[in-house]
Amino acid sequence: MPDIQINDKKINQLEVKLFVTSMLLQELLDETDGNTRFKHKLKFHIRGMQCELDKVLSVILNDNELSLFITNAISALEESIDDKLE
């Protein structure tokens, strides 16, 4: 997969997709009611995956432009899912 250019940073598309998907999963779990063992275990594994992704990401995600890009990508993914469910 080709890289994505954001300002002076190049990011691998696959890394972005994995990171965005894990962030959306984390947000959705935060929105669910209750505190079941399943929810706790899933959150634990997602956090672990995010930590490992942080280690392999080709860029550091502390740039405002990059942060906005990630936020917009998460929103687009969630909207895409919502559209398919309607």
Protein backbone atom coordinates (compact mmCIF):
# COMPACT_ATOMS: atom_id res chain seq x y z
CA MET A 1 0.00 0.00 0.00
CA PRO A 2 1.26 3.48 -0.78
CA ASP A 3 2.06 6.03 1.88
CA ILE A 4 -0.13 8.98 2.87
CA GLN A 5 1.50 12.42 2.94
CA ILE A 6 0.40 14.77 5.75
CA ASN A 7 2.48 17.93 5.85
CA ASP A 8 6.08 16.72 6.05
CA LYS A 9 5.15 13.24 7.33
CA LYS A 10 4.63 10.07 5.33
CA ILE A 11 2.56 7.33 6.93
CA ASN A 12 1.91 3.81 5.74
CA GLN A 13 -1.79 3.36 4.84
CA LEU A 14 -2.00 0.00 6.59
CA GLU A 15 -0.67 1.53 9.82
CA VAL A 16 -3.31 4.26 9.61
CA LYS A 17 -6.12 1.75 9.02
CA LEU A 18 -5.05 -0.43 11.95
CA PHE A 19 -4.66 2.54 14.28
CA VAL A 20 -7.98 4.13 13.28
CA THR A 21 -9.84 0.84 13.64
CA SER A 22 -8.42 0.19 17.10
CA MET A 23 -9.26 3.74 18.21
CA LEU A 24 -12.86 3.35 17.01
CA LEU A 25 -13.16 0.01 18.82
CA GLN A 26 -11.92 1.67 22.01
CA GLU A 27 -14.45 4.51 21.66
CA LEU A 28 -17.32 2.12 21.00
CA LEU A 29 -16.42 0.04 24.04
CA ASP A 30 -16.34 3.20 26.16
CA GLU A 31 -19.91 3.94 25.02
CA THR A 32 -21.28 0.52 25.99
CA ASP A 33 -23.17 0.08 29.23
CA GLY A 34 -22.06 -2.13 32.04
CA ASN A 35 -18.74 -3.57 33.04
CA THR A 36 -18.76 -7.18 31.91
CA ARG A 37 -15.73 -9.44 31.89
CA PHE A 38 -15.92 -9.59 28.08
CA LYS A 39 -15.82 -5.79 27.81
CA HIS A 40 -12.90 -5.59 30.24
CA LYS A 41 -10.89 -8.25 28.39
CA LEU A 42 -11.61 -6.68 25.01
CA LYS A 43 -10.53 -3.23 26.22
CA PHE A 44 -7.35 -4.76 27.65
CA HIS A 45 -6.46 -6.38 24.32
CA ILE A 46 -7.31 -3.28 22.29
CA ARG A 47 -5.12 -1.12 24.56
CA GLY A 48 -2.32 -3.66 24.14
CA MET A 49 -2.73 -3.55 20.38
CA GLN A 50 -2.62 0.25 20.43
CA CYS A 51 0.58 0.20 22.48
CA GLU A 52 2.18 -2.20 20.02
CA LEU A 53 1.00 -0.06 17.08
CA ASP A 54 2.56 2.99 18.73
CA LYS A 55 5.90 1.14 18.68
CA VAL A 56 5.74 0.34 14.97
CA LEU A 57 4.09 3.46 13.60
CA SER A 58 6.46 5.22 11.25
CA VAL A 59 5.63 8.65 12.72
CA ILE A 60 4.79 10.10 16.11
CA LEU A 61 1.14 11.12 16.40
CA ASN A 62 1.63 14.37 18.31
CA ASP A 63 1.18 16.70 15.34
CA ASN A 64 -2.08 18.72 15.25
CA GLU A 65 -2.59 18.18 11.50
CA LEU A 66 -2.00 14.46 11.88
CA SER A 67 -4.27 14.28 14.91
CA LEU A 68 -7.06 15.98 12.95
CA PHE A 69 -6.51 13.55 10.07
CA ILE A 70 -6.84 10.56 12.44
CA THR A 71 -9.95 12.05 14.08
CA ASN A 72 -11.56 12.59 10.66
CA ALA A 73 -10.67 9.05 9.60
CA ILE A 74 -12.28 7.62 12.75
CA SER A 75 -15.43 9.68 12.11
CA ALA A 76 -15.55 8.55 8.47
CA LEU A 77 -15.23 4.89 9.49
CA GLU A 78 -18.00 5.21 12.06
CA GLU A 79 -20.26 7.02 9.57
CA SER A 80 -19.60 4.31 6.99
CA ILE A 81 -20.65 1.63 9.46
CA ASP A 82 -23.74 3.62 10.51
CA ASP A 83 -24.76 4.09 6.85
CA LYS A 84 -24.57 0.33 6.24
CA LEU A 85 -26.72 -0.35 9.31
CA GLU A 86 -29.55 1.96 8.20
